[in-house]
Amino acid sequence: MTGKTEETLGYEQARDELVEVVRRLEAGGTSLEESLALWERGEELAKVCRRRLEGARARLDAALAEEEEGEGRGD
């Protein structure tokens, strides 16, 4: 997956595609090559999801820190 593709995938899109990849792997019936390609795609999608969640966590932490800072100043 290219960085551009990764940038364009939102969390929900990546998650939904990952669910489909897992479903196909669990169902079986794919060749070894297909299974490996699915596995690799699943790994890429999991990284996208992880990065999106980490970004959301950082934004939330920053917002909470800003709120606490404002309370400390009496704002």
PDB file of N, CA and C in Angstrom:
ATOM      1  N   MET A   1       0.858  -1.166   0.000  1.00  0.00           N
ATOM      2  CA  MET A   1       0.000   0.000   0.000  1.00  0.00           C
ATOM      3  C   MET A   1       0.902   1.226   0.000  1.00  0.00           C
ATOM      4  N   THR A   2       0.584   2.181  -0.836  1.00  0.00           N
ATOM      5  CA  THR A   2       1.390   3.390  -0.881  1.00  0.00           C
ATOM      6  C   THR A   2       0.960   4.341   0.213  1.00  0.00           C
ATOM      7  N   GLY A   3       1.844   5.284   0.542  1.00  0.00           N
ATOM      8  CA  GLY A   3       1.510   6.271   1.550  1.00  0.00           C
ATOM      9  C   GLY A   3       0.276   7.058   1.167  1.00  0.00           C
ATOM     10  N   LYS A   4       0.120   7.333  -0.128  1.00  0.00           N
ATOM     11  CA  LYS A   4      -1.050   8.080  -0.604  1.00  0.00           C
ATOM     12  C   LYS A   4      -2.324   7.310  -0.313  1.00  0.00           C
ATOM     13  N   THR A   5      -2.326   6.020  -0.602  1.00  0.00           N
ATOM     14  CA  THR A   5      -3.503   5.199  -0.325  1.00  0.00           C
ATOM     15  C   THR A   5      -3.794   5.201   1.162  1.00  0.00           C
ATOM     16  N   GLU A   6      -2.756   5.079   1.962  1.00  0.00           N
ATOM     17  CA  GLU A   6      -2.924   5.069   3.415  1.00  0.00           C
ATOM     18  C   GLU A   6      -3.526   6.383   3.892  1.00  0.00           C
ATOM     19  N   GLU A   7      -3.088   7.495   3.309  1.00  0.00           N
ATOM     20  CA  GLU A   7      -3.591   8.800   3.709  1.00  0.00           C
ATOM     21  C   GLU A   7      -5.061   8.968   3.360  1.00  0.00           C
ATOM     22  N   THR A   8      -5.505   8.327   2.292  1.00  0.00           N
ATOM     23  CA  THR A   8      -6.886   8.518   1.849  1.00  0.00           C
ATOM     24  C   THR A   8      -7.861   7.605   2.572  1.00  0.00           C
ATOM     25  N   LEU A   9      -7.380   6.566   3.207  1.00  0.00           N
ATOM     26  CA  LEU A   9      -8.264   5.652   3.930  1.00  0.00           C
ATOM     27  C   LEU A   9      -8.575   6.190   5.315  1.00  0.00           C
ATOM     28  N   GLY A  10      -9.839   6.334   5.605  1.00  0.00           N
ATOM     29  CA  GLY A  10     -10.249   6.695   6.950  1.00  0.00           C
ATOM     30  C   GLY A  10     -10.254   5.452   7.830  1.00  0.00           C
ATOM     31  N   TYR A  11     -10.384   5.678   9.118  1.00  0.00           N
ATOM     32  CA  TYR A  11     -10.394   4.557  10.061  1.00  0.00           C
ATOM     33  C   TYR A  11     -11.497   3.556   9.733  1.00  0.00           C
ATOM     34  N   GLU A  12     -12.704   4.065   9.517  1.00  0.00           N
ATOM     35  CA  GLU A  12     -13.837   3.165   9.285  1.00  0.00           C
ATOM     36  C   GLU A  12     -13.659   2.358   8.014  1.00  0.00           C
ATOM     37  N   GLN A  13     -13.128   2.993   6.960  1.00  0.00           N
ATOM     38  CA  GLN A  13     -12.896   2.281   5.706  1.00  0.00           C
ATOM     39  C   GLN A  13     -11.863   1.176   5.902  1.00  0.00           C
ATOM     40  N   ALA A  14     -10.768   1.515   6.566  1.00  0.00           N
ATOM     41  CA  ALA A  14      -9.712   0.532   6.801  1.00  0.00           C
ATOM     42  C   ALA A  14     -10.225  -0.611   7.669  1.00  0.00           C
ATOM     43  N   ARG A  15     -10.985  -0.270   8.705  1.00  0.00           N
ATOM     44  CA  ARG A  15     -11.546  -1.293   9.595  1.00  0.00           C
ATOM     45  C   ARG A  15     -12.485  -2.222   8.841  1.00  0.00           C
ATOM     46  N   ASP A  16     -13.367  -1.643   8.040  1.00  0.00           N
ATOM     47  CA  ASP A  16     -14.320  -2.463   7.298  1.00  0.00           C
ATOM     48  C   ASP A  16     -13.624  -3.389   6.309  1.00  0.00           C
ATOM     49  N   GLU A  17     -12.596  -2.865   5.631  1.00  0.00           N
ATOM     50  CA  GLU A  17     -11.855  -3.711   4.697  1.00  0.00           C
ATOM     51  C   GLU A  17     -11.098  -4.794   5.454  1.00  0.00           C
ATOM     52  N   LEU A  18     -10.550  -4.454   6.614  1.00  0.00           N
ATOM     53  CA  LEU A  18      -9.844  -5.441   7.430  1.00  0.00           C
ATOM     54  C   LEU A  18     -10.787  -6.553   7.865  1.00  0.00           C
ATOM     55  N   VAL A  19     -11.997  -6.209   8.255  1.00  0.00           N
ATOM     56  CA  VAL A  19     -12.987  -7.216   8.638  1.00  0.00           C
ATOM     57  C   VAL A  19     -13.246  -8.166   7.464  1.00  0.00           C
ATOM     58  N   GLU A  20     -13.352  -7.606   6.268  1.00  0.00           N
ATOM     59  CA  GLU A  20     -13.590  -8.429   5.081  1.00  0.00           C
ATOM     60  C   GLU A  20     -12.394  -9.342   4.793  1.00  0.00           C
ATOM     61  N   VAL A  21     -11.189  -8.811   4.950  1.00  0.00           N
ATOM     62  CA  VAL A  21      -9.984  -9.622   4.735  1.00  0.00           C
ATOM     63  C   VAL A  21      -9.964 -10.794   5.714  1.00  0.00           C
ATOM     64  N   VAL A  22     -10.236 -10.527   6.971  1.00  0.00           N
ATOM     65  CA  VAL A  22     -10.247 -11.587   7.987  1.00  0.00           C
ATOM     66  C   VAL A  22     -11.313 -12.620   7.666  1.00  0.00           C
ATOM     67  N   ARG A  23     -12.489 -12.158   7.253  1.00  0.00           N
ATOM     68  CA  ARG A  23     -13.575 -13.070   6.895  1.00  0.00           C
ATOM     69  C   ARG A  23     -13.147 -13.998   5.759  1.00  0.00           C
ATOM     70  N   ARG A  24     -12.502 -13.435   4.742  1.00  0.00           N
ATOM     71  CA  ARG A  24     -12.065 -14.251   3.612  1.00  0.00           C
ATOM     72  C   ARG A  24     -10.982 -15.248   4.022  1.00  0.00           C
ATOM     73  N   LEU A  25     -10.064 -14.815   4.879  1.00  0.00           N
ATOM     74  CA  LEU A  25      -9.016 -15.731   5.345  1.00  0.00           C
ATOM     75  C   LEU A  25      -9.608 -16.866   6.179  1.00  0.00           C
ATOM     76  N   GLU A  26     -10.550 -16.525   7.046  1.00  0.00           N
ATOM     77  CA  GLU A  26     -11.167 -17.545   7.895  1.00  0.00           C
ATOM     78  C   GLU A  26     -12.022 -18.521   7.095  1.00  0.00           C
ATOM     79  N   ALA A  27     -12.608 -18.044   6.004  1.00  0.00           N
ATOM     80  CA  ALA A  27     -13.456 -18.903   5.178  1.00  0.00           C
ATOM     81  C   ALA A  27     -12.634 -19.952   4.432  1.00  0.00           C
ATOM     82  N   GLY A  28     -11.367 -19.639   4.185  1.00  0.00           N
ATOM     83  CA  GLY A  28     -10.522 -20.580   3.465  1.00  0.00           C
ATOM     84  C   GLY A  28     -10.881 -20.621   1.992  1.00  0.00           C
ATOM     85  N   GLY A  29     -10.367 -21.633   1.320  1.00  0.00           N
ATOM     86  CA  GLY A  29     -10.664 -21.810  -0.088  1.00  0.00           C
ATOM     87  C   GLY A  29      -9.841 -20.937  -1.010  1.00  0.00           C
ATOM     88  N   THR A  30      -8.863 -20.232  -0.472  1.00  0.00           N
ATOM     89  CA  THR A  30      -8.000 -19.410  -1.323  1.00  0.00           C
ATOM     90  C   THR A  30      -6.656 -20.106  -1.483  1.00  0.00           C
ATOM     91  N   SER A  31      -5.989 -19.789  -2.567  1.00  0.00           N
ATOM     92  CA  SER A  31      -4.672 -20.363  -2.807  1.00  0.00           C
ATOM     93  C   SER A  31      -3.679 -19.763  -1.807  1.00  0.00           C
ATOM     94  N   LEU A  32      -2.517 -20.360  -1.748  1.00  0.00           N
ATOM     95  CA  LEU A  32      -1.470 -19.857  -0.860  1.00  0.00           C
ATOM     96  C   LEU A  32      -1.119 -18.418  -1.227  1.00  0.00           C
ATOM     97  N   GLU A  33      -0.974 -18.140  -2.525  1.00  0.00           N
ATOM     98  CA  GLU A  33      -0.646 -16.781  -2.966  1.00  0.00           C
ATOM     99  C   GLU A  33      -1.737 -15.789  -2.578  1.00  0.00           C
ATOM    100  N   GLU A  34      -2.982 -16.167  -2.787  1.00  0.00           N
ATOM    101  CA  GLU A  34      -4.095 -15.295  -2.414  1.00  0.00           C
ATOM    102  C   GLU A  34      -4.120 -15.064  -0.910  1.00  0.00           C
ATOM    103  N   SER A  35      -3.898 -16.133  -0.153  1.00  0.00           N
ATOM    104  CA  SER A  35      -3.890 -16.016   1.304  1.00  0.00           C
ATOM    105  C   SER A  35      -2.778 -15.089   1.771  1.00  0.00           C
ATOM    106  N   LEU A  36      -1.602 -15.211   1.182  1.00  0.00           N
ATOM    107  CA  LEU A  36      -0.490 -14.334   1.553  1.00  0.00           C
ATOM    108  C   LEU A  36      -0.786 -12.882   1.202  1.00  0.00           C
ATOM    109  N   ALA A  37      -1.386 -12.650   0.031  1.00  0.00           N
ATOM    110  CA  ALA A  37      -1.738 -11.286  -0.365  1.00  0.00           C
ATOM    111  C   ALA A  37      -2.776 -10.708   0.594  1.00  0.00           C
ATOM    112  N   LEU A  38      -3.752 -11.533   0.979  1.00  0.00           N
ATOM    113  CA  LEU A  38      -4.762 -11.079   1.937  1.00  0.00           C
ATOM    114  C   LEU A  38      -4.117 -10.768   3.281  1.00  0.00           C
ATOM    115  N   TRP A  39      -3.226 -11.637   3.722  1.00  0.00           N
ATOM    116  CA  TRP A  39      -2.535 -11.424   4.998  1.00  0.00           C
ATOM    117  C   TRP A  39      -1.770 -10.098   4.976  1.00  0.00           C
ATOM    118  N   GLU A  40      -1.026  -9.863   3.887  1.00  0.00           N
ATOM    119  CA  GLU A  40      -0.247  -8.633   3.774  1.00  0.00           C
ATOM    120  C   GLU A  40      -1.163  -7.409   3.767  1.00  0.00           C
ATOM    121  N   ARG A  41      -2.269  -7.497   3.053  1.00  0.00           N
ATOM    122  CA  ARG A  41      -3.226  -6.384   3.026  1.00  0.00           C
ATOM    123  C   ARG A  41      -3.806  -6.156   4.428  1.00  0.00           C
ATOM    124  N   GLY A  42      -4.100  -7.230   5.120  1.00  0.00           N
ATOM    125  CA  GLY A  42      -4.611  -7.111   6.478  1.00  0.00           C
ATOM    126  C   GLY A  42      -3.621  -6.421   7.402  1.00  0.00           C
ATOM    127  N   GLU A  43      -2.345  -6.747   7.266  1.00  0.00           N
ATOM    128  CA  GLU A  43      -1.312  -6.097   8.074  1.00  0.00           C
ATOM    129  C   GLU A  43      -1.264  -4.602   7.782  1.00  0.00           C
ATOM    130  N   GLU A  44      -1.346  -4.233   6.503  1.00  0.00           N
ATOM    131  CA  GLU A  44      -1.326  -2.827   6.122  1.00  0.00           C
ATOM    132  C   GLU A  44      -2.544  -2.093   6.695  1.00  0.00           C
ATOM    133  N   LEU A  45      -3.696  -2.724   6.590  1.00  0.00           N
ATOM    134  CA  LEU A  45      -4.924  -2.109   7.098  1.00  0.00           C
ATOM    135  C   LEU A  45      -4.884  -1.958   8.615  1.00  0.00           C
ATOM    136  N   ALA A  46      -4.330  -2.953   9.292  1.00  0.00           N
ATOM    137  CA  ALA A  46      -4.206  -2.867  10.747  1.00  0.00           C
ATOM    138  C   ALA A  46      -3.306  -1.694  11.140  1.00  0.00           C
ATOM    139  N   LYS A  47      -2.243  -1.447  10.361  1.00  0.00           N
ATOM    140  CA  LYS A  47      -1.359  -0.309  10.632  1.00  0.00           C
ATOM    141  C   LYS A  47      -2.102   1.011  10.445  1.00  0.00           C
ATOM    142  N   VAL A  48      -2.923   1.086   9.390  1.00  0.00           N
ATOM    143  CA  VAL A  48      -3.710   2.299   9.164  1.00  0.00           C
ATOM    144  C   VAL A  48      -4.622   2.544  10.362  1.00  0.00           C
ATOM    145  N   CYS A  49      -5.313   1.502  10.801  1.00  0.00           N
ATOM    146  CA  CYS A  49      -6.221   1.641  11.946  1.00  0.00           C
ATOM    147  C   CYS A  49      -5.458   2.078  13.186  1.00  0.00           C
ATOM    148  N   ARG A  50      -4.328   1.457  13.430  1.00  0.00           N
ATOM    149  CA  ARG A  50      -3.522   1.798  14.606  1.00  0.00           C
ATOM    150  C   ARG A  50      -3.090   3.257  14.557  1.00  0.00           C
ATOM    151  N   ARG A  51      -2.612   3.711  13.398  1.00  0.00           N
ATOM    152  CA  ARG A  51      -2.166   5.108  13.270  1.00  0.00           C
ATOM    153  C   ARG A  51      -3.318   6.083  13.462  1.00  0.00           C
ATOM    154  N   ARG A  52      -4.464   5.752  12.898  1.00  0.00           N
ATOM    155  CA  ARG A  52      -5.633   6.624  13.047  1.00  0.00           C
ATOM    156  C   ARG A  52      -6.046   6.715  14.514  1.00  0.00           C
ATOM    157  N   LEU A  53      -6.038   5.587  15.209  1.00  0.00           N
ATOM    158  CA  LEU A  53      -6.407   5.588  16.626  1.00  0.00           C
ATOM    159  C   LEU A  53      -5.385   6.339  17.464  1.00  0.00           C
ATOM    160  N   GLU A  54      -4.104   6.166  17.138  1.00  0.00           N
ATOM    161  CA  GLU A  54      -3.064   6.896  17.866  1.00  0.00           C
ATOM    162  C   GLU A  54      -3.210   8.395  17.651  1.00  0.00           C
ATOM    163  N   GLY A  55      -3.543   8.797  16.427  1.00  0.00           N
ATOM    164  CA  GLY A  55      -3.761  10.216  16.133  1.00  0.00           C
ATOM    165  C   GLY A  55      -4.943  10.769  16.913  1.00  0.00           C
ATOM    166  N   ALA A  56      -6.012   9.999  16.967  1.00  0.00           N
ATOM    167  CA  ALA A  56      -7.194  10.424  17.714  1.00  0.00           C
ATOM    168  C   ALA A  56      -6.876  10.531  19.200  1.00  0.00           C
ATOM    169  N   ARG A  57      -6.112   9.580  19.711  1.00  0.00           N
ATOM    170  CA  ARG A  57      -5.729   9.612  21.128  1.00  0.00           C
ATOM    171  C   ARG A  57      -4.877  10.849  21.430  1.00  0.00           C
ATOM    172  N   ALA A  58      -3.953  11.172  20.533  1.00  0.00           N
ATOM    173  CA  ALA A  58      -3.095  12.340  20.742  1.00  0.00           C
ATOM    174  C   ALA A  58      -3.928  13.618  20.737  1.00  0.00           C
ATOM    175  N   ARG A  59      -4.899  13.703  19.834  1.00  0.00           N
ATOM    176  CA  ARG A  59      -5.768  14.882  19.792  1.00  0.00           C
ATOM    177  C   ARG A  59      -6.592  14.989  21.064  1.00  0.00           C
ATOM    178  N   LEU A  60      -7.103  13.865  21.533  1.00  0.00           N
ATOM    179  CA  LEU A  60      -7.890  13.864  22.757  1.00  0.00           C
ATOM    180  C   LEU A  60      -7.031  14.265  23.951  1.00  0.00           C
ATOM    181  N   ASP A  61      -5.825  13.697  24.041  1.00  0.00           N
ATOM    182  CA  ASP A  61      -4.919  14.049  25.134  1.00  0.00           C
ATOM    183  C   ASP A  61      -4.589  15.538  25.119  1.00  0.00           C
ATOM    184  N   ALA A  62      -4.358  16.087  23.925  1.00  0.00           N
ATOM    185  CA  ALA A  62      -4.041  17.509  23.808  1.00  0.00           C
ATOM    186  C   ALA A  62      -5.234  18.356  24.248  1.00  0.00           C
ATOM    187  N   ALA A  63      -6.428  17.956  23.854  1.00  0.00           N
ATOM    188  CA  ALA A  63      -7.624  18.708  24.240  1.00  0.00           C
ATOM    189  C   ALA A  63      -7.835  18.648  25.745  1.00  0.00           C
ATOM    190  N   LEU A  64      -7.620  17.496  26.340  1.00  0.00           N
ATOM    191  CA  LEU A  64      -7.783  17.357  27.789  1.00  0.00           C
ATOM    192  C   LEU A  64      -6.737  18.173  28.534  1.00  0.00           C
ATOM    193  N   ALA A  65      -5.506  18.167  28.037  1.00  0.00           N
ATOM    194  CA  ALA A  65      -4.449  18.950  28.679  1.00  0.00           C
ATOM    195  C   ALA A  65      -4.763  20.440  28.595  1.00  0.00           C
ATOM    196  N   GLU A  66      -5.283  20.858  27.444  1.00  0.00           N
ATOM    197  CA  GLU A  66      -5.651  22.257  27.266  1.00  0.00           C
ATOM    198  C   GLU A  66      -6.788  22.639  28.213  1.00  0.00           C
ATOM    199  N   GLU A  67      -7.734  21.753  28.368  1.00  0.00           N
ATOM    200  CA  GLU A  67      -8.858  21.999  29.282  1.00  0.00           C
ATOM    201  C   GLU A  67      -8.371  22.113  30.725  1.00  0.00           C
ATOM    202  N   GLU A  68      -7.485  21.196  31.125  1.00  0.00           N
ATOM    203  CA  GLU A  68      -6.934  21.231  32.485  1.00  0.00           C
ATOM    204  C   GLU A  68      -6.137  22.507  32.715  1.00  0.00           C
ATOM    205  N   GLU A  69      -5.405  22.940  31.688  1.00  0.00           N
ATOM    206  CA  GLU A  69      -4.622  24.155  31.783  1.00  0.00           C
ATOM    207  C   GLU A  69      -5.556  25.352  32.000  1.00  0.00           C
ATOM    208  N   GLY A  70      -6.648  25.376  31.278  1.00  0.00           N
ATOM    209  CA  GLY A  70      -7.616  26.461  31.417  1.00  0.00           C
ATOM    210  C   GLY A  70      -8.250  26.477  32.795  1.00  0.00           C
ATOM    211  N   GLU A  71      -8.526  25.318  33.345  1.00  0.00           N
ATOM    212  CA  GLU A  71      -9.117  25.242  34.683  1.00  0.00           C
ATOM    213  C   GLU A  71      -8.125  25.716  35.744  1.00  0.00           C
ATOM    214  N   GLY A  72      -6.845  25.428  35.526  1.00  0.00           N
ATOM    215  CA  GLY A  72      -5.823  25.825  36.471  1.00  0.00           C
ATOM    216  C   GLY A  72      -5.642  27.328  36.530  1.00  0.00           C
ATOM    217  N   ARG A  73      -5.953  28.012  35.414  1.00  0.00           N
ATOM    218  CA  ARG A  73      -5.820  29.460  35.364  1.00  0.00           C
ATOM    219  C   ARG A  73      -7.095  30.149  35.803  1.00  0.00           C
ATOM    220  N   GLY A  74      -8.137  29.362  36.017  1.00  0.00           N
ATOM    221  CA  GLY A  74      -9.390  29.962  36.431  1.00  0.00           C
ATOM    222  C   GLY A  74     -10.219  30.483  35.269  1.00  0.00           C
ATOM    223  N   ASP A  75      -9.926  30.050  34.060  1.00  0.00           N
ATOM    224  CA  ASP A  75     -10.684  30.477  32.869  1.00  0.00           C
ATOM    225  C   ASP A  75     -12.056  29.885  32.834  1.00  0.00           C
TER     226      ASP A  75
END
